[in-house]
Amino acid sequence: MSLIRGIRGATTVTENNELEIIENTRQLVLEMIEKNNVQAEDVSSVLVTVTDDLTATFPAKPIRQLPGWTYVPVMCMQEIKVPHGLPRCIRIMMTINTSIAQEDIHHIYHNDARKLRPDLLK
């Protein structure tokens, strides 16, 4: 049976730099895809949030450039500003159709974002 599941991912960058934002987002999404055996046709949508200190580019750009991902809905938004929140952070919520059990989803965290959900790191 196929269900709708969310795959979480997050990464950080060292500065508000277009190339670094694109590359770190690309690496994060590729690992999310690989670890969860995601096919583009199984993706309902991808939501991407960034902290307010990241304005150099849209991190959705490298997702849209993946082979076969042209028609996957991807949207960028600004993360809410919380005092003492993690700076320069890119978060991803990929919603997929899958038969994988919720506890078997691999959520991926890179760089300083690892401290956001250490309980989910496998």
C-alpha atoms as a PDB file:
ATOM      1  CA  MET A   1       0.000   0.000   0.000  1.00  0.00           C
ATOM      2  CA  SER A   2       1.308   3.439  -0.918  1.00  0.00           C
ATOM      3  CA  LEU A   3       1.018   6.274   1.608  1.00  0.00           C
ATOM      4  CA  ILE A   4       2.019   9.925   1.644  1.00  0.00           C
ATOM      5  CA  ARG A   5       5.157  10.477   3.718  1.00  0.00           C
ATOM      6  CA  GLY A   6       7.392  13.442   4.408  1.00  0.00           C
ATOM      7  CA  ILE A   7      11.166  13.356   4.197  1.00  0.00           C
ATOM      8  CA  ARG A   8      12.907  16.080   6.168  1.00  0.00           C
ATOM      9  CA  GLY A   9      16.261  17.536   5.337  1.00  0.00           C
ATOM     10  CA  ALA A  10      18.294  20.543   6.367  1.00  0.00           C
ATOM     11  CA  THR A  11      21.690  22.051   5.758  1.00  0.00           C
ATOM     12  CA  THR A  12      23.560  25.245   6.459  1.00  0.00           C
ATOM     13  CA  VAL A  13      25.905  27.430   4.478  1.00  0.00           C
ATOM     14  CA  THR A  14      28.791  29.542   5.708  1.00  0.00           C
ATOM     15  CA  GLU A  15      27.692  32.691   3.884  1.00  0.00           C
ATOM     16  CA  ASN A  16      24.920  34.156   1.723  1.00  0.00           C
ATOM     17  CA  ASN A  17      26.531  32.968  -1.508  1.00  0.00           C
ATOM     18  CA  GLU A  18      24.610  31.735  -4.562  1.00  0.00           C
ATOM     19  CA  LEU A  19      27.008  28.933  -5.476  1.00  0.00           C
ATOM     20  CA  GLU A  20      27.234  27.614  -1.916  1.00  0.00           C
ATOM     21  CA  ILE A  21      23.443  27.683  -1.478  1.00  0.00           C
ATOM     22  CA  ILE A  22      22.936  25.811  -4.759  1.00  0.00           C
ATOM     23  CA  GLU A  23      25.651  23.232  -4.099  1.00  0.00           C
ATOM     24  CA  ASN A  24      24.650  22.511  -0.495  1.00  0.00           C
ATOM     25  CA  THR A  25      20.987  22.199  -1.484  1.00  0.00           C
ATOM     26  CA  ARG A  26      21.880  19.889  -4.375  1.00  0.00           C
ATOM     27  CA  GLN A  27      23.966  17.624  -2.132  1.00  0.00           C
ATOM     28  CA  LEU A  28      21.220  17.485   0.486  1.00  0.00           C
ATOM     29  CA  VAL A  29      18.462  16.635  -1.985  1.00  0.00           C
ATOM     30  CA  LEU A  30      20.563  14.016  -3.767  1.00  0.00           C
ATOM     31  CA  GLU A  31      21.191  12.238  -0.466  1.00  0.00           C
ATOM     32  CA  MET A  32      17.493  12.452   0.460  1.00  0.00           C
ATOM     33  CA  ILE A  33      16.651  10.857  -2.900  1.00  0.00           C
ATOM     34  CA  GLU A  34      19.323   8.155  -2.640  1.00  0.00           C
ATOM     35  CA  LYS A  35      18.705   7.104   0.984  1.00  0.00           C
ATOM     36  CA  ASN A  36      14.930   6.879   0.430  1.00  0.00           C
ATOM     37  CA  ASN A  37      14.972   5.489  -3.117  1.00  0.00           C
ATOM     38  CA  VAL A  38      12.838   8.405  -4.353  1.00  0.00           C
ATOM     39  CA  GLN A  39      11.648   8.583  -7.962  1.00  0.00           C
ATOM     40  CA  ALA A  40      10.502  11.960  -9.310  1.00  0.00           C
ATOM     41  CA  GLU A  41       7.088  10.567 -10.278  1.00  0.00           C
ATOM     42  CA  ASP A  42       6.492   9.616  -6.618  1.00  0.00           C
ATOM     43  CA  VAL A  43       7.061  13.171  -5.340  1.00  0.00           C
ATOM     44  CA  SER A  44       3.941  15.185  -4.530  1.00  0.00           C
ATOM     45  CA  SER A  45       5.833  18.411  -3.786  1.00  0.00           C
ATOM     46  CA  VAL A  46       8.971  19.864  -2.257  1.00  0.00           C
ATOM     47  CA  LEU A  47       8.833  22.791   0.164  1.00  0.00           C
ATOM     48  CA  VAL A  48      12.056  24.668   0.815  1.00  0.00           C
ATOM     49  CA  THR A  49      12.508  27.245   3.554  1.00  0.00           C
ATOM     50  CA  VAL A  50      15.458  29.512   4.189  1.00  0.00           C
ATOM     51  CA  THR A  51      16.333  31.733   7.107  1.00  0.00           C
ATOM     52  CA  ASP A  52      16.043  35.465   6.460  1.00  0.00           C
ATOM     53  CA  ASP A  53      19.822  35.829   6.105  1.00  0.00           C
ATOM     54  CA  LEU A  54      19.825  33.833   2.819  1.00  0.00           C
ATOM     55  CA  THR A  55      18.793  35.957  -0.151  1.00  0.00           C
ATOM     56  CA  ALA A  56      21.435  35.270  -2.835  1.00  0.00           C
ATOM     57  CA  THR A  57      19.336  32.745  -4.802  1.00  0.00           C
ATOM     58  CA  PHE A  58      16.376  30.394  -4.720  1.00  0.00           C
ATOM     59  CA  PRO A  59      17.503  27.019  -3.327  1.00  0.00           C
ATOM     60  CA  ALA A  60      14.795  25.354  -5.425  1.00  0.00           C
ATOM     61  CA  LYS A  61      16.935  25.930  -8.524  1.00  0.00           C
ATOM     62  CA  PRO A  62      19.098  22.776  -8.233  1.00  0.00           C
ATOM     63  CA  ILE A  63      16.028  20.652  -7.453  1.00  0.00           C
ATOM     64  CA  ARG A  64      14.278  21.784 -10.629  1.00  0.00           C
ATOM     65  CA  GLN A  65      17.423  20.969 -12.620  1.00  0.00           C
ATOM     66  CA  LEU A  66      17.510  17.307 -11.587  1.00  0.00           C
ATOM     67  CA  PRO A  67      16.823  14.941 -14.510  1.00  0.00           C
ATOM     68  CA  GLY A  68      13.128  14.050 -14.524  1.00  0.00           C
ATOM     69  CA  TRP A  69      12.173  16.662 -11.915  1.00  0.00           C
ATOM     70  CA  THR A  70      10.904  19.347 -14.307  1.00  0.00           C
ATOM     71  CA  TYR A  71       7.252  18.865 -13.336  1.00  0.00           C
ATOM     72  CA  VAL A  72       7.715  18.303  -9.596  1.00  0.00           C
ATOM     73  CA  PRO A  73       6.150  21.255  -7.733  1.00  0.00           C
ATOM     74  CA  VAL A  74       8.856  23.052  -5.746  1.00  0.00           C
ATOM     75  CA  MET A  75       8.293  26.168  -3.663  1.00  0.00           C
ATOM     76  CA  CYS A  76      10.619  28.363  -1.599  1.00  0.00           C
ATOM     77  CA  MET A  77       9.526  30.236   1.520  1.00  0.00           C
ATOM     78  CA  GLN A  78      11.125  32.155   4.344  1.00  0.00           C
ATOM     79  CA  GLU A  79      11.490  30.369   7.663  1.00  0.00           C
ATOM     80  CA  ILE A  80       9.938  32.113  10.648  1.00  0.00           C
ATOM     81  CA  LYS A  81      12.432  34.225  12.555  1.00  0.00           C
ATOM     82  CA  VAL A  82      12.877  32.681  15.990  1.00  0.00           C
ATOM     83  CA  PRO A  83      15.303  34.206  18.500  1.00  0.00           C
ATOM     84  CA  HIS A  84      18.493  32.151  18.676  1.00  0.00           C
ATOM     85  CA  GLY A  85      17.441  30.048  15.664  1.00  0.00           C
ATOM     86  CA  LEU A  86      20.034  28.355  13.499  1.00  0.00           C
ATOM     87  CA  PRO A  87      21.431  30.940  11.017  1.00  0.00           C
ATOM     88  CA  ARG A  88      22.005  30.415   7.277  1.00  0.00           C
ATOM     89  CA  CYS A  89      19.794  27.336   7.258  1.00  0.00           C
ATOM     90  CA  ILE A  90      17.989  25.663   4.359  1.00  0.00           C
ATOM     91  CA  ARG A  91      15.225  23.222   5.282  1.00  0.00           C
ATOM     92  CA  ILE A  92      13.449  20.836   2.925  1.00  0.00           C
ATOM     93  CA  MET A  93      10.196  18.914   3.259  1.00  0.00           C
ATOM     94  CA  MET A  94       9.808  16.433   0.409  1.00  0.00           C
ATOM     95  CA  THR A  95       6.368  14.818   0.295  1.00  0.00           C
ATOM     96  CA  ILE A  96       6.346  11.439  -1.440  1.00  0.00           C
ATOM     97  CA  ASN A  97       4.090   8.490  -2.164  1.00  0.00           C
ATOM     98  CA  THR A  98       5.763   5.384  -0.762  1.00  0.00           C
ATOM     99  CA  SER A  99       5.234   2.067   0.945  1.00  0.00           C
ATOM    100  CA  ILE A 100       8.111   2.788   3.365  1.00  0.00           C
ATOM    101  CA  ALA A 101       7.049   2.834   7.022  1.00  0.00           C
ATOM    102  CA  GLN A 102       7.280   6.237   8.695  1.00  0.00           C
ATOM    103  CA  GLU A 103      10.017   5.076  11.095  1.00  0.00           C
ATOM    104  CA  ASP A 104      12.085   3.792   8.151  1.00  0.00           C
ATOM    105  CA  ILE A 105      12.268   7.152   6.356  1.00  0.00           C
ATOM    106  CA  HIS A 106      15.814   8.534   6.304  1.00  0.00           C
ATOM    107  CA  HIS A 107      15.779  12.221   7.250  1.00  0.00           C
ATOM    108  CA  ILE A 108      19.003  13.933   6.208  1.00  0.00           C
ATOM    109  CA  TYR A 109      20.838  16.705   8.038  1.00  0.00           C
ATOM    110  CA  HIS A 110      24.124  18.246   6.907  1.00  0.00           C
ATOM    111  CA  ASN A 111      26.601  20.678   8.451  1.00  0.00           C
ATOM    112  CA  ASP A 112      25.352  22.675  11.461  1.00  0.00           C
ATOM    113  CA  ALA A 113      21.788  21.505  10.780  1.00  0.00           C
ATOM    114  CA  ARG A 114      22.704  18.146  12.369  1.00  0.00           C
ATOM    115  CA  LYS A 115      21.984  19.733  15.741  1.00  0.00           C
ATOM    116  CA  LEU A 116      18.350  20.400  14.770  1.00  0.00           C
ATOM    117  CA  ARG A 117      17.214  16.766  15.058  1.00  0.00           C
ATOM    118  CA  PRO A 118      19.993  14.513  16.367  1.00  0.00           C
ATOM    119  CA  ASP A 119      17.276  11.991  17.298  1.00  0.00           C
ATOM    120  CA  LEU A 120      16.562  11.387  13.588  1.00  0.00           C
ATOM    121  CA  LEU A 121      20.131  10.815  12.421  1.00  0.00           C
ATOM    122  CA  LYS A 122      20.710   7.209  11.347  1.00  0.00           C
END
